[in-house]
Structures are given as structure tokens and as C-alpha cells.
Amino acid sequence: MLSGMALAFGVSLILTPILAALARKTGLVDNPVGDSLKIHRKPIPYLGGAAVLLGMLSGLLAVSSGKLPYAVLIGMLLVFWVGLVDDAQEVNPKIRLLFQLLAGTLVLAAGFSVNVIPCLWVVIPLTLFYIAGAINAVNVIDGMDGLATGIGIVSCLGFMIAGIIIGDGWLTSLAGILLAALFGFLPYNFSPATVFLGDAGSGFIGMVLGLMAMRLSSQAYNWHRFMAAILIIGIPVFDMAFAIARRKLSGKPIFAGDRSHIYDILGNKGLSQRTVWGIMVVAAAVLAGIGCAAVR
């Protein structure tokens, strides 16, 4: 696994500035002009997610465990593609959700499911919800330099430890390799960021985290593992839940963006982005640690 992690880190580290330059040259940038929800002041290139994706896939090719079934890989690439289109030109949220559910269906076809209640009428909707929910949760938390990347690293570390505890080599390898790819990307994405993940990157990372959560939740009636998986990706999940509740109570569409997330509230208190990043990552680590302790 270490060779796969080293390769994932190296590929991500090397490709990120190359792909950022390509994005800048082709105009694939996040331009804040005219968008009140943006907190950066100048155009920042996308395609950071492509570097992480290629890093992870390179790392997986180097190991015997952690391989993604073709159906899962196709679903992940579909999520990445629709996110990339959304980065270039806005895609209707309902279309994005349709692709996320299609990816979840491919995950089911590959034999992955949330099987804590082994009833088909529960397993199917819960699995689709896990995939779509994880994709959108990471997208929601990706509103500040390096935040989705840092929390993704913490979650991957949590799943890697959980995989070791339960003796699941596939989970351990996948988590470790994505962790390494994210570490290779972090120096460029940390505040002040020079490249963004984009919806393409946050989407596929969310899907992989959802897949790992499902793997941990696959044992029937094991509520310890079910809750552990939620806690390991706790900050994005809770922030998304609060966002949905907040928007419903205010009468706004649930897909409408706002600047009232947990990290926004901290930033509005005068804290720097790096300080907020540290607080959020430490909170994520505490929840992930509790989750790992709950694994049985």
C-alpha cells in the first residue's frame, strides 16, 4: 500500500500546477466578479480535482487491494464529468442530482450497499442517499481555501484506521491512497489557494468517501459501524444537514447557496481563513476519532 500512496502523492503534487496552468489558459477559472457568495478576490483556476483523481487512480494501479470495480469507476467519472461541466457553465441542480443517483445505481450494481438493515426496500434508497448525500456534503464544505481537502484528509485517515481495526484491506488501501493524493494537492489549495478542486473534484471525493462509509456500514445490524461511518465524515454531513434545515425554514430552495455555513460563522467573527481551517479540521478529527473508537 505504501508504494501506491507514494505514487498517488507524487502524481497529485506534480500534476496540480500543470493542470492549474491549463485551466488558466483555457479560461476554466472561478471568477468572483459579480458573485456575492465568493470570498476570493481574483480568478482561481479549477482542475485541482483532476490532479487528485489521477493521483488516486495511479496509486490504485500500483496495489493489489483497493481496486474500484468498473461500474463504480464509471459512476465516479460521471460525477466528475458533470461537475466539470458545472465548473465551466452552471448545470441545473436537478441534472446534477440525476447523475449522482445514476452513480449510486452503478455502485449498487457493483455490489456495494448500506446493509445495516438488510431489507431491499431500505438498502436501495439508503445507498442512493449515501452517495448523493456524500457528494453534496463535500461540495457544501468546499467553500473556503483548503477546507474540503483538509477534512477529506481527516476522513480518509479515519477510514484507514477503521479498515485496519476491522481487517478490511480494501478499505484501508482506498482510504490511504486518496489521503496521499489529497496531501499532494493541499500545498496548492491551502490559504491563499492557487487552485481549486472545483465541483468536479469535490464531487468525486465525496463519492469515494461515501463509498468508504458504505463499506464500513455493510455489516447487517452493526449500528456501531453505521454510526462510526457517519462520524468519520461528520463535519460535512452535519454542515449539510444544517444548511438544508436553514434553507427550508427560511423558505429558500435547498440547492440555493448562502454564506451561513459553520466556517462562514467563524470567519464572520474576525478569524483568519487559516484559523478557521484549523478549528474545522480539529473538530473533524475529534469526530473521526470518536467514530474510530466506536468501530467493532
Protein backbone atom coordinates (compact mmCIF):
# COMPACT_ATOMS: atom_id res chain seq x y z
CA MET A 1 0.00 0.00 0.00
CA LEU A 2 2.87 2.38 0.75
CA SER A 3 4.02 2.29 -2.87
CA GLY A 4 0.51 3.21 -4.01
CA MET A 5 0.36 6.07 -1.51
CA ALA A 6 3.76 7.38 -2.62
CA LEU A 7 2.69 7.29 -6.27
CA ALA A 8 -0.65 8.98 -5.54
CA PHE A 9 1.10 11.75 -3.61
CA GLY A 10 3.74 12.29 -6.30
CA VAL A 11 1.30 12.35 -9.22
CA SER A 12 -1.03 14.78 -7.45
CA LEU A 13 1.84 17.02 -6.36
CA ILE A 14 3.35 17.20 -9.86
CA LEU A 15 0.15 17.42 -11.90
CA THR A 16 -1.63 20.09 -9.84
CA PRO A 17 0.36 23.12 -11.08
CA ILE A 18 0.38 21.74 -14.64
CA LEU A 19 -3.39 21.31 -14.72
CA ALA A 20 -3.90 24.67 -12.97
CA ALA A 21 -1.90 26.33 -15.74
CA LEU A 22 -4.01 24.53 -18.34
CA ALA A 23 -7.21 25.68 -16.62
CA ARG A 24 -5.96 29.25 -16.52
CA LYS A 25 -5.02 29.13 -20.20
CA THR A 26 -8.42 27.75 -21.25
CA GLY A 27 -10.40 30.08 -19.00
CA LEU A 28 -11.62 27.34 -16.68
CA VAL A 29 -11.43 29.53 -13.59
CA ASP A 30 -13.61 30.54 -10.66
CA ASN A 31 -14.17 34.23 -11.32
CA PRO A 32 -15.63 36.03 -8.28
CA VAL A 33 -16.76 39.12 -10.20
CA GLY A 34 -20.50 39.65 -9.74
CA ASP A 35 -20.94 36.74 -7.30
CA SER A 36 -21.56 37.85 -3.72
CA LEU A 37 -21.06 34.30 -2.41
CA LYS A 38 -17.39 34.22 -3.44
CA ILE A 39 -14.83 35.14 -0.79
CA HIS A 40 -11.75 35.17 -3.04
CA ARG A 41 -10.90 38.35 -4.91
CA LYS A 42 -9.29 37.15 -8.14
CA PRO A 43 -9.91 34.32 -10.63
CA ILE A 44 -8.62 30.97 -9.36
CA PRO A 45 -8.16 28.04 -11.78
CA TYR A 46 -10.05 24.78 -11.41
CA LEU A 47 -8.80 21.25 -12.36
CA GLY A 48 -7.22 20.60 -8.96
CA GLY A 49 -9.74 17.80 -8.62
CA ALA A 50 -8.41 16.23 -11.82
CA ALA A 51 -4.92 16.07 -10.29
CA VAL A 52 -6.30 14.36 -7.17
CA LEU A 53 -8.33 11.94 -9.29
CA LEU A 54 -5.35 10.99 -11.46
CA GLY A 55 -3.18 10.66 -8.38
CA MET A 56 -5.65 8.32 -6.71
CA LEU A 57 -6.13 6.18 -9.82
CA SER A 58 -2.35 5.94 -10.32
CA GLY A 59 -1.92 4.82 -6.73
CA LEU A 60 -4.67 2.20 -7.05
CA LEU A 61 -2.98 0.75 -10.12
CA ALA A 62 0.14 0.13 -8.04
CA VAL A 63 -1.57 -2.00 -5.38
CA SER A 64 -3.41 -5.31 -5.44
CA SER A 65 -6.12 -4.19 -2.99
CA GLY A 66 -8.40 -1.18 -3.12
CA LYS A 67 -9.27 -1.62 -6.79
CA LEU A 68 -12.50 0.01 -7.92
CA PRO A 69 -14.99 -2.17 -9.84
CA TYR A 70 -15.65 -0.89 -13.37
CA ALA A 71 -19.22 0.10 -12.52
CA VAL A 72 -18.02 2.21 -9.59
CA LEU A 73 -15.26 3.76 -11.70
CA ILE A 74 -17.77 4.69 -14.42
CA GLY A 75 -20.07 6.24 -11.81
CA MET A 76 -17.20 8.22 -10.33
CA LEU A 77 -16.15 9.51 -13.75
CA LEU A 78 -19.77 10.53 -14.49
CA VAL A 79 -19.87 12.53 -11.26
CA PHE A 80 -16.51 14.10 -12.12
CA TRP A 81 -17.67 14.94 -15.65
CA VAL A 82 -20.94 16.62 -14.65
CA GLY A 83 -19.02 18.56 -12.01
CA LEU A 84 -16.50 19.67 -14.63
CA VAL A 85 -19.33 20.87 -16.89
CA ASP A 86 -20.79 22.71 -13.90
CA ASP A 87 -17.42 24.39 -13.31
CA ALA A 88 -17.37 25.60 -16.92
CA GLN A 89 -21.04 26.55 -17.13
CA GLU A 90 -23.69 26.15 -14.48
CA VAL A 91 -25.67 22.90 -14.58
CA ASN A 92 -29.22 22.64 -13.24
CA PRO A 93 -29.04 21.13 -9.70
CA LYS A 94 -31.69 18.56 -10.67
CA ILE A 95 -29.48 17.34 -13.52
CA ARG A 96 -26.53 17.04 -11.14
CA LEU A 97 -28.72 15.07 -8.71
CA LEU A 98 -29.80 12.77 -11.54
CA PHE A 99 -26.18 11.95 -12.32
CA GLN A 100 -25.47 11.37 -8.63
CA LEU A 101 -28.35 8.91 -8.38
CA LEU A 102 -27.10 7.20 -11.54
CA ALA A 103 -23.69 6.86 -9.89
CA GLY A 104 -25.38 5.42 -6.82
CA THR A 105 -27.21 2.89 -9.00
CA LEU A 106 -23.88 1.80 -10.52
CA VAL A 107 -22.48 1.43 -7.00
CA LEU A 108 -25.41 -0.85 -6.14
CA ALA A 109 -24.83 -2.84 -9.34
CA ALA A 110 -21.21 -3.34 -8.27
CA GLY A 111 -22.36 -4.99 -5.03
CA PHE A 112 -21.84 -2.11 -2.59
CA SER A 113 -24.66 -1.12 -0.26
CA VAL A 114 -25.53 0.21 3.18
CA ASN A 115 -26.68 -3.09 4.61
CA VAL A 116 -27.19 -2.19 8.26
CA ILE A 117 -30.90 -3.10 7.81
CA PRO A 118 -30.79 -5.98 5.30
CA CYS A 119 -34.09 -5.21 3.61
CA LEU A 120 -34.15 -4.36 -0.07
CA TRP A 121 -36.62 -1.51 0.42
CA VAL A 122 -34.23 0.08 2.92
CA VAL A 123 -30.90 -0.84 1.33
CA ILE A 124 -31.60 0.68 -2.10
CA PRO A 125 -32.81 4.17 -1.06
CA LEU A 126 -30.26 4.37 1.77
CA THR A 127 -27.40 3.53 -0.59
CA LEU A 128 -28.55 6.11 -3.15
CA PHE A 129 -28.92 8.66 -0.35
CA TYR A 130 -25.41 7.87 0.93
CA ILE A 131 -23.81 8.53 -2.45
CA ALA A 132 -25.78 11.67 -3.31
CA GLY A 133 -25.51 12.92 0.27
CA ALA A 134 -21.76 12.47 0.50
CA ILE A 135 -21.20 14.17 -2.89
CA ASN A 136 -23.23 17.20 -1.88
CA ALA A 137 -21.84 17.31 1.66
CA VAL A 138 -18.26 17.66 0.41
CA ASN A 139 -19.41 20.20 -2.19
CA VAL A 140 -21.06 22.27 0.55
CA ILE A 141 -17.95 22.25 2.75
CA ASP A 142 -15.77 23.30 -0.20
CA GLY A 143 -16.39 27.00 0.33
CA MET A 144 -13.07 28.06 1.82
CA ASP A 145 -9.45 27.56 0.82
CA GLY A 146 -8.26 24.04 1.62
CA LEU A 147 -11.24 23.12 3.80
CA ALA A 148 -12.69 20.22 1.78
CA THR A 149 -9.15 18.96 1.18
CA GLY A 150 -8.20 19.10 4.87
CA ILE A 151 -11.41 17.48 6.08
CA GLY A 152 -11.09 14.90 3.30
CA ILE A 153 -7.63 14.02 4.62
CA VAL A 154 -9.01 13.59 8.15
CA SER A 155 -11.89 11.42 6.90
CA CYS A 156 -9.55 9.25 4.84
CA LEU A 157 -7.30 8.79 7.86
CA GLY A 158 -10.34 7.79 9.90
CA PHE A 159 -11.47 5.23 7.33
CA MET A 160 -7.92 3.91 7.02
CA ILE A 161 -7.75 3.34 10.79
CA ALA A 162 -11.23 1.79 10.77
CA GLY A 163 -10.15 -0.51 7.94
CA ILE A 164 -7.14 -1.64 9.97
CA ILE A 165 -9.33 -2.24 13.04
CA ILE A 166 -11.80 -4.47 11.18
CA GLY A 167 -9.17 -6.09 8.97
CA ASP A 168 -10.53 -4.71 5.69
CA GLY A 169 -7.57 -4.33 3.34
CA TRP A 170 -9.68 -2.84 0.54
CA LEU A 171 -10.99 -0.02 2.74
CA THR A 172 -7.55 0.61 4.21
CA SER A 173 -5.87 0.84 0.80
CA LEU A 174 -8.51 3.04 -0.83
CA ALA A 175 -8.54 5.44 2.13
CA GLY A 176 -4.75 5.58 2.33
CA ILE A 177 -4.30 6.26 -1.38
CA LEU A 178 -6.93 9.02 -1.55
CA LEU A 179 -5.38 10.52 1.60
CA ALA A 180 -1.97 10.63 -0.12
CA ALA A 181 -3.42 12.20 -3.27
CA LEU A 182 -5.12 14.89 -1.18
CA PHE A 183 -1.86 15.58 0.68
CA GLY A 184 -0.14 16.14 -2.67
CA PHE A 185 -2.80 18.70 -3.59
CA LEU A 186 -3.06 20.50 -0.22
CA PRO A 187 0.00 22.81 -0.59
CA TYR A 188 -1.61 24.46 -3.62
CA ASN A 189 -5.11 24.60 -2.12
CA PHE A 190 -4.21 25.86 1.37
CA SER A 191 -4.93 29.54 2.03
CA PRO A 192 -4.19 31.52 -0.04
CA ALA A 193 -5.20 28.92 -2.64
CA THR A 194 -3.71 28.99 -6.14
CA VAL A 195 -6.03 26.27 -7.48
CA PHE A 196 -9.45 24.89 -6.55
CA LEU A 197 -10.91 21.38 -6.54
CA GLY A 198 -13.99 22.61 -8.36
CA ASP A 199 -17.31 20.77 -8.32
CA ALA A 200 -15.61 18.04 -10.34
CA GLY A 201 -13.10 17.38 -7.56
CA SER A 202 -15.40 17.79 -4.58
CA GLY A 203 -17.95 15.54 -6.31
CA PHE A 204 -15.69 12.58 -6.91
CA ILE A 205 -14.05 12.94 -3.47
CA GLY A 206 -17.48 12.94 -1.87
CA MET A 207 -18.45 9.84 -3.81
CA VAL A 208 -15.31 7.97 -2.72
CA LEU A 209 -15.86 8.99 0.92
CA GLY A 210 -19.47 7.82 0.61
CA LEU A 211 -18.25 4.53 -0.84
CA MET A 212 -15.89 4.05 2.10
CA ALA A 213 -18.69 4.89 4.55
CA MET A 214 -20.86 2.26 2.86
CA ARG A 215 -18.10 -0.32 3.09
CA LEU A 216 -17.85 0.31 6.81
CA SER A 217 -21.67 0.12 7.13
CA SER A 218 -22.09 -3.10 5.16
CA GLN A 219 -22.46 -5.48 8.12
CA ALA A 220 -26.09 -6.19 8.99
CA TYR A 221 -27.35 -4.70 12.26
CA ASN A 222 -23.92 -3.37 13.21
CA TRP A 223 -25.04 0.05 14.43
CA HIS A 224 -21.61 0.81 15.87
CA ARG A 225 -20.06 0.78 12.40
CA PHE A 226 -23.03 2.61 10.91
CA MET A 227 -22.63 5.49 13.36
CA ALA A 228 -18.83 5.34 13.08
CA ALA A 229 -19.03 5.92 9.32
CA ILE A 230 -21.24 8.99 9.80
CA LEU A 231 -18.93 10.44 12.45
CA ILE A 232 -15.82 9.92 10.32
CA ILE A 233 -17.33 12.25 7.71
CA GLY A 234 -19.22 14.13 10.40
CA ILE A 235 -18.40 17.79 9.68
CA PRO A 236 -19.57 17.77 6.03
CA VAL A 237 -22.66 15.72 6.94
CA PHE A 238 -23.70 17.95 9.83
CA ASP A 239 -22.98 21.16 7.93
CA MET A 240 -25.11 19.97 5.01
CA ALA A 241 -27.94 18.93 7.36
CA PHE A 242 -27.87 22.37 9.00
CA ALA A 243 -27.82 24.05 5.57
CA ILE A 244 -30.88 22.10 4.39
CA ALA A 245 -32.78 22.85 7.62
CA ARG A 246 -31.78 26.53 7.48
CA ARG A 247 -32.91 26.95 3.88
CA LYS A 248 -36.20 25.07 4.43
CA LEU A 249 -37.04 27.20 7.47
CA SER A 250 -36.28 30.41 5.58
CA GLY A 251 -38.29 29.27 2.55
CA LYS A 252 -35.29 29.14 0.23
CA PRO A 253 -34.57 26.31 -2.25
CA ILE A 254 -32.30 23.71 -0.64
CA PHE A 255 -29.86 23.99 -3.55
CA ALA A 256 -29.54 27.77 -3.14
CA GLY A 257 -26.10 28.82 -1.90
CA ASP A 258 -25.53 31.03 1.14
CA ARG A 259 -22.74 32.21 3.42
CA SER A 260 -24.14 30.89 6.70
CA HIS A 261 -22.15 27.67 6.99
CA ILE A 262 -20.19 26.82 10.12
CA TYR A 263 -16.95 28.09 8.59
CA ASP A 264 -18.66 31.32 7.48
CA ILE A 265 -19.92 31.97 11.01
CA LEU A 266 -16.39 31.53 12.37
CA GLY A 267 -14.95 33.75 9.65
CA ASN A 268 -17.50 36.47 10.40
CA LYS A 269 -16.11 36.63 13.94
CA GLY A 270 -12.89 38.03 12.51
CA LEU A 271 -10.90 34.80 12.40
CA SER A 272 -8.49 34.27 9.51
CA GLN A 273 -9.11 31.53 6.95
CA ARG A 274 -6.15 29.57 8.31
CA THR A 275 -7.50 29.78 11.86
CA VAL A 276 -10.97 28.69 10.74
CA TRP A 277 -9.37 25.86 8.74
CA GLY A 278 -7.54 24.67 11.85
CA ILE A 279 -10.67 24.76 14.01
CA MET A 280 -12.72 22.87 11.43
CA VAL A 281 -10.05 20.23 10.82
CA VAL A 282 -9.52 19.65 14.54
CA ALA A 283 -13.30 19.30 15.00
CA ALA A 284 -13.38 16.81 12.12
CA ALA A 285 -10.50 14.89 13.72
CA VAL A 286 -12.33 14.71 17.06
CA LEU A 287 -15.46 13.31 15.42
CA ALA A 288 -13.43 10.88 13.32
CA GLY A 289 -11.56 9.75 16.44
CA ILE A 290 -14.85 9.06 18.22
CA GLY A 291 -16.01 7.19 15.13
CA CYS A 292 -12.90 5.01 15.06
CA ALA A 293 -13.32 4.26 18.76
CA ALA A 294 -16.88 3.10 18.05
CA VAL A 295 -15.84 0.58 15.38
CA ARG A 296 -16.48 -3.02 16.45
